[in-house]
C-alpha atoms as a PDB file:
ATOM      1  CA  UNK A   1     -14.510  -0.665  11.798  1.00  0.00           C
ATOM      2  CA  UNK A   2     -11.012  -1.721  12.865  1.00  0.00           C
ATOM      3  CA  UNK A   3     -11.781  -5.229  11.632  1.00  0.00           C
ATOM      4  CA  UNK A   4     -13.123  -3.791   8.385  1.00  0.00           C
ATOM      5  CA  UNK A   5      -9.973  -1.765   7.774  1.00  0.00           C
ATOM      6  CA  UNK A   6      -7.814  -4.766   8.587  1.00  0.00           C
ATOM      7  CA  UNK A   7      -9.713  -6.969   6.169  1.00  0.00           C
ATOM      8  CA  UNK A   8      -9.221  -4.543   3.285  1.00  0.00           C
ATOM      9  CA  UNK A   9      -5.546  -4.053   3.912  1.00  0.00           C
ATOM     10  CA  UNK A  10      -5.647  -0.654   5.624  1.00  0.00           C
ATOM     11  CA  UNK A  11      -3.861  -0.770   8.958  1.00  0.00           C
ATOM     12  CA  UNK A  12      -5.542   1.599  11.398  1.00  0.00           C
ATOM     13  CA  UNK A  13      -2.838   4.120  12.311  1.00  0.00           C
ATOM     14  CA  UNK A  14      -4.309   4.586  15.764  1.00  0.00           C
ATOM     15  CA  UNK A  15      -4.044   0.915  16.598  1.00  0.00           C
ATOM     16  CA  UNK A  16      -0.948  -0.491  18.215  1.00  0.00           C
ATOM     17  CA  UNK A  17       1.348  -2.552  15.994  1.00  0.00           C
ATOM     18  CA  UNK A  18       4.642  -4.331  16.550  1.00  0.00           C
ATOM     19  CA  UNK A  19       7.614  -2.090  15.883  1.00  0.00           C
ATOM     20  CA  UNK A  20       9.989  -3.104  13.135  1.00  0.00           C
ATOM     21  CA  UNK A  21      13.653  -2.839  14.029  1.00  0.00           C
ATOM     22  CA  UNK A  22      15.044  -1.753  10.702  1.00  0.00           C
ATOM     23  CA  UNK A  23      16.756   1.420   9.645  1.00  0.00           C
ATOM     24  CA  UNK A  24      14.559   3.523   7.369  1.00  0.00           C
ATOM     25  CA  UNK A  25      15.858   6.372   5.269  1.00  0.00           C
ATOM     26  CA  UNK A  26      16.646   9.284   7.628  1.00  0.00           C
ATOM     27  CA  UNK A  27      18.902  11.522   5.524  1.00  0.00           C
ATOM     28  CA  UNK A  28      20.389  11.467   2.086  1.00  0.00           C
ATOM     29  CA  UNK A  29      24.092  12.069   1.660  1.00  0.00           C
ATOM     30  CA  UNK A  30      25.145  12.258  -1.949  1.00  0.00           C
ATOM     31  CA  UNK A  31      28.576  13.176  -3.268  1.00  0.00           C
ATOM     32  CA  UNK A  32      27.060  15.943  -5.358  1.00  0.00           C
ATOM     33  CA  UNK A  33      23.508  17.295  -5.637  1.00  0.00           C
ATOM     34  CA  UNK A  34      21.571  15.642  -8.464  1.00  0.00           C
ATOM     35  CA  UNK A  35      20.291  17.891 -11.233  1.00  0.00           C
ATOM     36  CA  UNK A  36      16.691  19.076 -10.841  1.00  0.00           C
ATOM     37  CA  UNK A  37      15.690  17.158 -13.950  1.00  0.00           C
ATOM     38  CA  UNK A  38      17.185  14.734 -16.425  1.00  0.00           C
ATOM     39  CA  UNK A  39      16.855  15.634 -20.094  1.00  0.00           C
ATOM     40  CA  UNK A  40      18.142  13.526 -22.988  1.00  0.00           C
ATOM     41  CA  UNK A  41      20.769  15.190 -25.178  1.00  0.00           C
ATOM     42  CA  UNK A  42      19.319  13.629 -28.318  1.00  0.00           C
ATOM     43  CA  UNK A  43      15.767  12.713 -29.309  1.00  0.00           C
ATOM     44  CA  UNK A  44      15.019   9.558 -27.389  1.00  0.00           C
ATOM     45  CA  UNK A  45      12.259   7.138 -26.708  1.00  0.00           C
ATOM     46  CA  UNK A  46       9.809   8.177 -23.964  1.00  0.00           C
ATOM     47  CA  UNK A  47      10.962   5.153 -21.964  1.00  0.00           C
ATOM     48  CA  UNK A  48      14.625   6.164 -21.894  1.00  0.00           C
ATOM     49  CA  UNK A  49      16.691   8.851 -20.194  1.00  0.00           C
ATOM     50  CA  UNK A  50      20.412   9.661 -20.020  1.00  0.00           C
ATOM     51  CA  UNK A  51      22.962   9.283 -17.263  1.00  0.00           C
ATOM     52  CA  UNK A  52      25.743  11.675 -16.402  1.00  0.00           C
ATOM     53  CA  UNK A  53      27.824  10.446 -19.343  1.00  0.00           C
ATOM     54  CA  UNK A  54      25.087  11.160 -21.857  1.00  0.00           C
ATOM     55  CA  UNK A  55      24.379   7.476 -22.504  1.00  0.00           C
ATOM     56  CA  UNK A  56      20.754   6.478 -22.967  1.00  0.00           C
ATOM     57  CA  UNK A  57      19.432   4.163 -20.254  1.00  0.00           C
ATOM     58  CA  UNK A  58      16.004   2.747 -19.570  1.00  0.00           C
ATOM     59  CA  UNK A  59      13.683   5.055 -17.697  1.00  0.00           C
ATOM     60  CA  UNK A  60      13.518   4.484 -13.955  1.00  0.00           C
ATOM     61  CA  UNK A  61      10.403   2.794 -12.564  1.00  0.00           C
ATOM     62  CA  UNK A  62       9.389   4.017  -9.107  1.00  0.00           C
ATOM     63  CA  UNK A  63       6.881   1.813  -7.297  1.00  0.00           C
ATOM     64  CA  UNK A  64       5.127   3.541  -4.400  1.00  0.00           C
ATOM     65  CA  UNK A  65       3.302   2.066  -1.442  1.00  0.00           C
ATOM     66  CA  UNK A  66       0.105   3.838  -0.356  1.00  0.00           C
ATOM     67  CA  UNK A  67      -0.778   3.689   3.341  1.00  0.00           C
ATOM     68  CA  UNK A  68       1.766   5.314   5.685  1.00  0.00           C
ATOM     69  CA  UNK A  69       4.005   6.066   2.693  1.00  0.00           C
ATOM     70  CA  UNK A  70       1.907   8.546   0.698  1.00  0.00           C
ATOM     71  CA  UNK A  71      -1.065   8.961   3.052  1.00  0.00           C
ATOM     72  CA  UNK A  72      -2.281   7.934   6.478  1.00  0.00           C
ATOM     73  CA  UNK A  73      -5.882   7.084   7.284  1.00  0.00           C
ATOM     74  CA  UNK A  74      -7.857   7.107  10.502  1.00  0.00           C
ATOM     75  CA  UNK A  75     -11.330   5.927  11.303  1.00  0.00           C
ATOM     76  CA  UNK A  76     -13.139   9.262  11.496  1.00  0.00           C
ATOM     77  CA  UNK A  77     -15.317   8.390  14.478  1.00  0.00           C
ATOM     78  CA  UNK A  78     -12.321   7.486  16.640  1.00  0.00           C
ATOM     79  CA  UNK A  79      -9.837  10.104  15.425  1.00  0.00           C
ATOM     80  CA  UNK A  80      -8.782  12.133  18.500  1.00  0.00           C
ATOM     81  CA  UNK A  81      -9.739  15.796  18.181  1.00  0.00           C
ATOM     82  CA  UNK A  82      -6.255  16.820  19.241  1.00  0.00           C
ATOM     83  CA  UNK A  83      -4.579  14.991  16.378  1.00  0.00           C
ATOM     84  CA  UNK A  84      -7.073  16.346  13.869  1.00  0.00           C
ATOM     85  CA  UNK A  85      -6.722  19.960  15.023  1.00  0.00           C
ATOM     86  CA  UNK A  86      -2.917  19.777  15.176  1.00  0.00           C
ATOM     87  CA  UNK A  87      -2.667  18.247  11.721  1.00  0.00           C
ATOM     88  CA  UNK A  88      -5.047  20.770  10.164  1.00  0.00           C
ATOM     89  CA  UNK A  89      -3.343  23.693  11.910  1.00  0.00           C
ATOM     90  CA  UNK A  90      -0.013  22.483  10.523  1.00  0.00           C
ATOM     91  CA  UNK A  91      -1.446  22.625   7.018  1.00  0.00           C
ATOM     92  CA  UNK A  92      -1.846  18.940   6.260  1.00  0.00           C
ATOM     93  CA  UNK A  93      -4.152  18.352   3.321  1.00  0.00           C
ATOM     94  CA  UNK A  94      -6.924  15.924   4.119  1.00  0.00           C
ATOM     95  CA  UNK A  95     -10.220  14.562   2.902  1.00  0.00           C
ATOM     96  CA  UNK A  96     -12.923  12.296   4.219  1.00  0.00           C
ATOM     97  CA  UNK A  97     -13.649   9.089   2.354  1.00  0.00           C
ATOM     98  CA  UNK A  98     -16.963   7.289   2.535  1.00  0.00           C
ATOM     99  CA  UNK A  99     -16.581   3.511   2.627  1.00  0.00           C
ATOM    100  CA  UNK A 100     -19.682   1.550   1.719  1.00  0.00           C
ATOM    101  CA  UNK A 101     -19.808  -2.129   2.558  1.00  0.00           C
ATOM    102  CA  UNK A 102     -22.633  -4.306   1.337  1.00  0.00           C
ATOM    103  CA  UNK A 103     -23.291  -7.529   3.203  1.00  0.00           C
ATOM    104  CA  UNK A 104     -25.473 -10.546   2.667  1.00  0.00           C
ATOM    105  CA  UNK A 105     -25.948 -13.879   4.348  1.00  0.00           C
ATOM    106  CA  UNK A 106     -26.349 -17.054   2.331  1.00  0.00           C
ATOM    107  CA  UNK A 107     -27.854 -20.200   3.864  1.00  0.00           C
ATOM    108  CA  UNK A 108     -26.547 -23.251   2.049  1.00  0.00           C
ATOM    109  CA  UNK A 109     -29.808 -25.170   1.776  1.00  0.00           C
ATOM    110  CA  UNK A 110     -31.839 -25.716  -1.394  1.00  0.00           C
ATOM    111  CA  UNK A 111     -35.091 -24.333  -0.026  1.00  0.00           C
ATOM    112  CA  UNK A 112     -33.611 -21.197   1.613  1.00  0.00           C
ATOM    113  CA  UNK A 113     -32.847 -17.917  -0.110  1.00  0.00           C
ATOM    114  CA  UNK A 114     -29.988 -15.556   0.624  1.00  0.00           C
ATOM    115  CA  UNK A 115     -30.644 -12.556   2.831  1.00  0.00           C
ATOM    116  CA  UNK A 116     -29.383  -9.198   1.599  1.00  0.00           C
ATOM    117  CA  UNK A 117     -28.360  -6.835   4.373  1.00  0.00           C
ATOM    118  CA  UNK A 118     -28.495  -3.059   4.171  1.00  0.00           C
ATOM    119  CA  UNK A 119     -25.339  -1.248   2.997  1.00  0.00           C
ATOM    120  CA  UNK A 120     -23.182  -0.003   5.845  1.00  0.00           C
ATOM    121  CA  UNK A 121     -21.515   3.370   5.537  1.00  0.00           C
ATOM    122  CA  UNK A 122     -18.301   4.228   7.367  1.00  0.00           C
ATOM    123  CA  UNK A 123     -16.036   7.250   7.089  1.00  0.00           C
ATOM    124  CA  UNK A 124     -12.258   7.418   7.013  1.00  0.00           C
ATOM    125  CA  UNK A 125     -10.212  10.612   7.357  1.00  0.00           C
ATOM    126  CA  UNK A 126      -7.221  10.538   5.025  1.00  0.00           C
ATOM    127  CA  UNK A 127      -4.227  12.853   5.474  1.00  0.00           C
ATOM    128  CA  UNK A 128      -1.818  13.426   2.587  1.00  0.00           C
ATOM    129  CA  UNK A 129       1.883  13.332   3.318  1.00  0.00           C
ATOM    130  CA  UNK A 130       3.350  16.852   2.980  1.00  0.00           C
ATOM    131  CA  UNK A 131       4.515  17.617  -0.539  1.00  0.00           C
ATOM    132  CA  UNK A 132       2.671  14.641  -2.034  1.00  0.00           C
ATOM    133  CA  UNK A 133       1.502  16.222  -5.293  1.00  0.00           C
ATOM    134  CA  UNK A 134       4.780  18.054  -5.930  1.00  0.00           C
ATOM    135  CA  UNK A 135       6.635  14.816  -5.242  1.00  0.00           C
ATOM    136  CA  UNK A 136       4.541  12.840  -7.723  1.00  0.00           C
ATOM    137  CA  UNK A 137       4.915  15.524 -10.369  1.00  0.00           C
ATOM    138  CA  UNK A 138       8.689  15.765 -10.012  1.00  0.00           C
ATOM    139  CA  UNK A 139       9.417  12.056 -10.070  1.00  0.00           C
ATOM    140  CA  UNK A 140       7.145  11.799 -13.090  1.00  0.00           C
ATOM    141  CA  UNK A 141       9.712  13.911 -14.951  1.00  0.00           C
ATOM    142  CA  UNK A 142      12.360  11.189 -14.818  1.00  0.00           C
ATOM    143  CA  UNK A 143      10.489   7.965 -13.930  1.00  0.00           C
ATOM    144  CA  UNK A 144       7.424   5.878 -14.598  1.00  0.00           C
ATOM    145  CA  UNK A 145       5.371   5.960 -11.400  1.00  0.00           C
ATOM    146  CA  UNK A 146       3.500   2.852 -10.250  1.00  0.00           C
ATOM    147  CA  UNK A 147       1.217   2.426  -7.250  1.00  0.00           C
ATOM    148  CA  UNK A 148       1.392  -0.897  -5.401  1.00  0.00           C
ATOM    149  CA  UNK A 149      -0.768  -1.338  -2.311  1.00  0.00           C
ATOM    150  CA  UNK A 150      -1.822  -4.378  -0.319  1.00  0.00           C
ATOM    151  CA  UNK A 151      -5.250  -2.781   0.018  1.00  0.00           C
ATOM    152  CA  UNK A 152      -8.201  -4.161  -1.893  1.00  0.00           C
ATOM    153  CA  UNK A 153      -9.447  -2.232  -4.879  1.00  0.00           C
ATOM    154  CA  UNK A 154     -12.945  -3.443  -4.048  1.00  0.00           C
ATOM    155  CA  UNK A 155     -13.612  -7.116  -3.608  1.00  0.00           C
ATOM    156  CA  UNK A 156     -15.771  -9.656  -1.848  1.00  0.00           C
ATOM    157  CA  UNK A 157     -14.673 -11.272   1.386  1.00  0.00           C
ATOM    158  CA  UNK A 158     -16.382 -14.368   2.731  1.00  0.00           C
ATOM    159  CA  UNK A 159     -16.716 -15.821   6.211  1.00  0.00           C
ATOM    160  CA  UNK A 160     -18.024 -19.369   6.601  1.00  0.00           C
ATOM    161  CA  UNK A 161     -19.879 -20.048   9.842  1.00  0.00           C
ATOM    162  CA  UNK A 162     -21.273 -23.552  10.467  1.00  0.00           C
ATOM    163  CA  UNK A 163     -24.261 -23.564  12.813  1.00  0.00           C
ATOM    164  CA  UNK A 164     -25.796 -26.583  14.541  1.00  0.00           C
ATOM    165  CA  UNK A 165     -29.517 -25.965  14.547  1.00  0.00           C
ATOM    166  CA  UNK A 166     -32.006 -27.091  17.139  1.00  0.00           C
ATOM    167  CA  UNK A 167     -35.211 -25.661  15.799  1.00  0.00           C
ATOM    168  CA  UNK A 168     -34.506 -22.071  14.747  1.00  0.00           C
ATOM    169  CA  UNK A 169     -31.930 -19.413  14.023  1.00  0.00           C
ATOM    170  CA  UNK A 170     -32.139 -15.690  13.526  1.00  0.00           C
ATOM    171  CA  UNK A 171     -30.508 -13.108  11.301  1.00  0.00           C
ATOM    172  CA  UNK A 172     -32.344  -9.834  11.044  1.00  0.00           C
ATOM    173  CA  UNK A 173     -35.447 -11.705  12.214  1.00  0.00           C
ATOM    174  CA  UNK A 174     -36.214 -15.318  13.131  1.00  0.00           C
ATOM    175  CA  UNK A 175     -36.000 -18.044  10.550  1.00  0.00           C
ATOM    176  CA  UNK A 176     -37.917 -21.063  11.821  1.00  0.00           C
ATOM    177  CA  UNK A 177     -36.979 -24.543  10.727  1.00  0.00           C
ATOM    178  CA  UNK A 178     -39.184 -27.280  12.122  1.00  0.00           C
ATOM    179  CA  UNK A 179     -38.577 -31.013  12.338  1.00  0.00           C
ATOM    180  CA  UNK A 180     -34.896 -30.618  11.497  1.00  0.00           C
ATOM    181  CA  UNK A 181     -33.007 -31.323  14.744  1.00  0.00           C
ATOM    182  CA  UNK A 182     -29.213 -31.559  14.815  1.00  0.00           C
ATOM    183  CA  UNK A 183     -28.909 -30.102  11.332  1.00  0.00           C
ATOM    184  CA  UNK A 184     -25.538 -28.676  10.360  1.00  0.00           C
ATOM    185  CA  UNK A 185     -26.073 -25.543   8.309  1.00  0.00           C
ATOM    186  CA  UNK A 186     -23.337 -23.595   6.544  1.00  0.00           C
ATOM    187  CA  UNK A 187     -23.888 -19.863   6.678  1.00  0.00           C
ATOM    188  CA  UNK A 188     -21.869 -17.589   4.398  1.00  0.00           C
ATOM    189  CA  UNK A 189     -21.464 -13.952   5.406  1.00  0.00           C
ATOM    190  CA  UNK A 190     -20.305 -12.115   2.293  1.00  0.00           C
ATOM    191  CA  UNK A 191     -19.296  -8.467   2.253  1.00  0.00           C
ATOM    192  CA  UNK A 192     -17.906  -6.063  -0.329  1.00  0.00           C
ATOM    193  CA  UNK A 193     -16.004  -2.911   0.536  1.00  0.00           C
ATOM    194  CA  UNK A 194     -14.578  -0.365  -1.905  1.00  0.00           C
ATOM    195  CA  UNK A 195     -11.663   1.544  -0.410  1.00  0.00           C
ATOM    196  CA  UNK A 196      -8.308   1.666  -2.193  1.00  0.00           C
ATOM    197  CA  UNK A 197      -9.471   2.576  -5.687  1.00  0.00           C
ATOM    198  CA  UNK A 198     -11.516   5.676  -4.727  1.00  0.00           C
ATOM    199  CA  UNK A 199      -8.734   6.808  -2.390  1.00  0.00           C
ATOM    200  CA  UNK A 200      -6.135   6.567  -5.148  1.00  0.00           C
ATOM    201  CA  UNK A 201      -8.459   8.404  -7.527  1.00  0.00           C
ATOM    202  CA  UNK A 202      -8.560  11.307  -5.076  1.00  0.00           C
ATOM    203  CA  UNK A 203      -4.788  11.625  -4.688  1.00  0.00           C
ATOM    204  CA  UNK A 204      -3.849  10.904  -8.304  1.00  0.00           C
ATOM    205  CA  UNK A 205      -5.652  13.909  -9.698  1.00  0.00           C
ATOM    206  CA  UNK A 206      -3.107  14.364 -12.507  1.00  0.00           C
ATOM    207  CA  UNK A 207      -2.987  10.681 -13.473  1.00  0.00           C
ATOM    208  CA  UNK A 208       0.653  10.283 -12.451  1.00  0.00           C
ATOM    209  CA  UNK A 209       0.339   6.534 -11.858  1.00  0.00           C
ATOM    210  CA  UNK A 210       0.862   4.658 -15.093  1.00  0.00           C
ATOM    211  CA  UNK A 211      -0.096   1.403 -13.364  1.00  0.00           C
ATOM    212  CA  UNK A 212      -1.953   0.453 -10.198  1.00  0.00           C
ATOM    213  CA  UNK A 213      -1.594  -2.823  -8.342  1.00  0.00           C
ATOM    214  CA  UNK A 214      -3.770  -3.956  -5.438  1.00  0.00           C
ATOM    215  CA  UNK A 215      -3.787  -6.914  -3.055  1.00  0.00           C
ATOM    216  CA  UNK A 216      -4.569  -9.562  -5.699  1.00  0.00           C
ATOM    217  CA  UNK A 217      -1.179  -8.748  -7.244  1.00  0.00           C
ATOM    218  CA  UNK A 218       0.679  -9.579  -4.017  1.00  0.00           C
ATOM    219  CA  UNK A 219       1.923 -13.075  -3.249  1.00  0.00           C
ATOM    220  CA  UNK A 220       2.071 -15.256  -0.150  1.00  0.00           C
ATOM    221  CA  UNK A 221       5.366 -16.720   1.042  1.00  0.00           C
ATOM    222  CA  UNK A 222       6.267 -19.047   3.866  1.00  0.00           C
ATOM    223  CA  UNK A 223       7.379 -16.012   5.873  1.00  0.00           C
ATOM    224  CA  UNK A 224       4.797 -13.323   5.102  1.00  0.00           C
ATOM    225  CA  UNK A 225       1.552 -12.831   3.224  1.00  0.00           C
ATOM    226  CA  UNK A 226       0.783  -9.992   0.809  1.00  0.00           C
ATOM    227  CA  UNK A 227       4.386  -9.565  -0.341  1.00  0.00           C
ATOM    228  CA  UNK A 228       4.933  -7.291  -3.324  1.00  0.00           C
ATOM    229  CA  UNK A 229       6.536  -9.117  -6.235  1.00  0.00           C
ATOM    230  CA  UNK A 230       8.163  -6.673  -8.641  1.00  0.00           C
ATOM    231  CA  UNK A 231       8.544  -9.331 -11.315  1.00  0.00           C
ATOM    232  CA  UNK A 232       5.012  -8.428 -12.417  1.00  0.00           C
ATOM    233  CA  UNK A 233       6.588  -5.271 -13.847  1.00  0.00           C
ATOM    234  CA  UNK A 234       9.682  -6.590 -15.565  1.00  0.00           C
ATOM    235  CA  UNK A 235      12.097  -9.501 -15.681  1.00  0.00           C
ATOM    236  CA  UNK A 236      14.987  -7.060 -15.487  1.00  0.00           C
ATOM    237  CA  UNK A 237      14.751  -5.091 -12.242  1.00  0.00           C
ATOM    238  CA  UNK A 238      17.952  -3.069 -12.541  1.00  0.00           C
ATOM    239  CA  UNK A 239      15.915   0.136 -12.950  1.00  0.00           C
ATOM    240  CA  UNK A 240      13.049  -0.570 -10.536  1.00  0.00           C
ATOM    241  CA  UNK A 241      12.733   0.899  -7.010  1.00  0.00           C
ATOM    242  CA  UNK A 242      10.045   0.078  -4.450  1.00  0.00           C
ATOM    243  CA  UNK A 243       9.438   2.797  -1.834  1.00  0.00           C
ATOM    244  CA  UNK A 244       7.647   1.350   1.191  1.00  0.00           C
ATOM    245  CA  UNK A 245       7.510   1.841   4.957  1.00  0.00           C
ATOM    246  CA  UNK A 246       7.166  -1.912   5.513  1.00  0.00           C
ATOM    247  CA  UNK A 247      10.488  -3.721   4.952  1.00  0.00           C
ATOM    248  CA  UNK A 248       8.733  -7.060   4.484  1.00  0.00           C
ATOM    249  CA  UNK A 249       7.385  -5.706   1.211  1.00  0.00           C
ATOM    250  CA  UNK A 250      10.939  -6.165  -0.132  1.00  0.00           C
ATOM    251  CA  UNK A 251      11.103  -9.845   0.767  1.00  0.00           C
ATOM    252  CA  UNK A 252      11.285 -11.157  -2.801  1.00  0.00           C
ATOM    253  CA  UNK A 253      13.541  -8.390  -4.150  1.00  0.00           C
ATOM    254  CA  UNK A 254      15.451  -6.940  -1.174  1.00  0.00           C
ATOM    255  CA  UNK A 255      17.967  -5.165  -3.410  1.00  0.00           C
ATOM    256  CA  UNK A 256      15.212  -3.023  -4.956  1.00  0.00           C
ATOM    257  CA  UNK A 257      13.767  -1.731  -1.690  1.00  0.00           C
ATOM    258  CA  UNK A 258      13.948   1.835  -0.440  1.00  0.00           C
ATOM    259  CA  UNK A 259      12.597   1.802   3.142  1.00  0.00           C
ATOM    260  CA  UNK A 260      11.073   5.057   4.351  1.00  0.00           C
ATOM    261  CA  UNK A 261       9.840   6.348   7.688  1.00  0.00           C
ATOM    262  CA  UNK A 262       6.122   5.769   8.281  1.00  0.00           C
ATOM    263  CA  UNK A 263       3.918   8.822   7.911  1.00  0.00           C
ATOM    264  CA  UNK A 264       1.420   9.686  10.635  1.00  0.00           C
ATOM    265  CA  UNK A 265      -0.860  12.661  11.220  1.00  0.00           C
ATOM    266  CA  UNK A 266       0.764  12.906  14.637  1.00  0.00           C
ATOM    267  CA  UNK A 267       3.880  14.189  12.836  1.00  0.00           C
ATOM    268  CA  UNK A 268       2.449  16.803  10.472  1.00  0.00           C
ATOM    269  CA  UNK A 269       5.793  18.471   9.683  1.00  0.00           C
ATOM    270  CA  UNK A 270       7.183  15.409   7.927  1.00  0.00           C
ATOM    271  CA  UNK A 271       9.581  16.320   5.074  1.00  0.00           C
ATOM    272  CA  UNK A 272      10.506  12.857   3.802  1.00  0.00           C
ATOM    273  CA  UNK A 273       9.010  13.037   0.319  1.00  0.00           C
ATOM    274  CA  UNK A 274      10.667  16.206  -0.955  1.00  0.00           C
ATOM    275  CA  UNK A 275      13.748  16.491   1.240  1.00  0.00           C
ATOM    276  CA  UNK A 276      14.797  12.860   1.559  1.00  0.00           C
ATOM    277  CA  UNK A 277      13.191  10.422  -0.871  1.00  0.00           C
ATOM    278  CA  UNK A 278      13.067  12.655  -3.966  1.00  0.00           C
ATOM    279  CA  UNK A 279      16.827  13.475  -3.981  1.00  0.00           C
ATOM    280  CA  UNK A 280      17.708   9.801  -3.645  1.00  0.00           C
ATOM    281  CA  UNK A 281      15.355   8.828  -6.462  1.00  0.00           C
ATOM    282  CA  UNK A 282      16.905  11.538  -8.652  1.00  0.00           C
ATOM    283  CA  UNK A 283      20.326  10.071  -7.877  1.00  0.00           C
ATOM    284  CA  UNK A 284      19.116   6.552  -8.657  1.00  0.00           C
ATOM    285  CA  UNK A 285      17.683   7.717 -11.969  1.00  0.00           C
ATOM    286  CA  UNK A 286      21.257   8.331 -13.139  1.00  0.00           C
ATOM    287  CA  UNK A 287      22.436   4.826 -12.294  1.00  0.00           C
ATOM    288  CA  UNK A 288      22.500   2.023 -14.825  1.00  0.00           C
ATOM    289  CA  UNK A 289      21.583  -0.369 -11.994  1.00  0.00           C
ATOM    290  CA  UNK A 290      19.955   0.909  -8.810  1.00  0.00           C
ATOM    291  CA  UNK A 291      20.582  -2.233  -6.774  1.00  0.00           C
ATOM    292  CA  UNK A 292      24.234  -1.675  -5.780  1.00  0.00           C
ATOM    293  CA  UNK A 293      23.389   1.800  -4.493  1.00  0.00           C
ATOM    294  CA  UNK A 294      20.383   0.565  -2.515  1.00  0.00           C
ATOM    295  CA  UNK A 295      22.351  -2.372  -1.137  1.00  0.00           C
ATOM    296  CA  UNK A 296      25.191  -0.147   0.043  1.00  0.00           C
ATOM    297  CA  UNK A 297      22.790   2.247   1.735  1.00  0.00           C
ATOM    298  CA  UNK A 298      20.301  -0.166   3.355  1.00  0.00           C
ATOM    299  CA  UNK A 299      21.791  -3.706   3.378  1.00  0.00           C
ATOM    300  CA  UNK A 300      18.312  -5.215   3.170  1.00  0.00           C
ATOM    301  CA  UNK A 301      19.477  -8.820   2.471  1.00  0.00           C
ATOM    302  CA  UNK A 302      21.427  -8.786   5.739  1.00  0.00           C
ATOM    303  CA  UNK A 303      18.422  -7.310   7.550  1.00  0.00           C
ATOM    304  CA  UNK A 304      16.303 -10.259   6.424  1.00  0.00           C
ATOM    305  CA  UNK A 305      18.998 -12.746   7.404  1.00  0.00           C
ATOM    306  CA  UNK A 306      19.176 -11.180  10.873  1.00  0.00           C
ATOM    307  CA  UNK A 307      15.452 -11.861  11.190  1.00  0.00           C
ATOM    308  CA  UNK A 308      15.795 -15.476  10.150  1.00  0.00           C
ATOM    309  CA  UNK A 309      14.668 -14.958   6.570  1.00  0.00           C
ATOM    310  CA  UNK A 310      17.123 -16.042   3.839  1.00  0.00           C
ATOM    311  CA  UNK A 311      17.713 -13.439   1.168  1.00  0.00           C
ATOM    312  CA  UNK A 312      16.134 -14.410  -2.136  1.00  0.00           C
ATOM    313  CA  UNK A 313      18.401 -12.170  -4.213  1.00  0.00           C
ATOM    314  CA  UNK A 314      22.154 -11.983  -4.649  1.00  0.00           C
ATOM    315  CA  UNK A 315      24.239  -8.837  -4.515  1.00  0.00           C
ATOM    316  CA  UNK A 316      24.610  -7.397  -7.995  1.00  0.00           C
END
């Protein structure tokens, strides 16, 4: 199951992973509290809002990561009872998601047919970050909300396995091939797993996400794979913010990244969404360009340079 979760982009929160030495968002210190909502003083387009001076500016776009930012997921069969009971006792909302993977094996020979395996059912326990629905509702009042996850919406993965045959092979029963010694046979194991889309459907009950992007929308770079490229949203990124617990997600647009602390069911009293991230997003919604504020607070280009990765964006 750990391999399954890895292949679909869901990192098992119970598995060990290398720590990332970057400074996430611990506290927000603003000169003055932002207003609870931003309302235009004159009739305006749905895609515009006003700043403190009453001038109309383009509506903020908030791009949200999924796993360990909005939710955390554990393989149900290996979730320690202590973590489950502590999280539930603390009031964490949770649900169990059934993941169905269908597999088949294809033998690349003209006289052999593909073998369809039985669907495999696995279960994942998903915990919602505290305040998730209130957070989504409130940012929806002043921003367009977009989901961007490296998880697969539901796609086929393929593993090619060449086998050197000396008479017979077996897969769910023997397949006998006679008089074909030293034959190189290409076997394709193909599987399909639906995970991210049904999970998002369950947390986006009020249809807050105006757009959803999955792994096919990410790009590969010479430094990291599955990097989130915000240029798929707009050429002008002055009003776009990406909230993610993985700093490498900001590789292509480091000035638009808002790094947050990873959410885990082991810390059920997390208050990041409502007490930390929401106030900063409200503050950013009043800025004509969010990038100077994010650069001053997080210095992400310098963080990448410290890790041997040249910044791809200039300071605005």
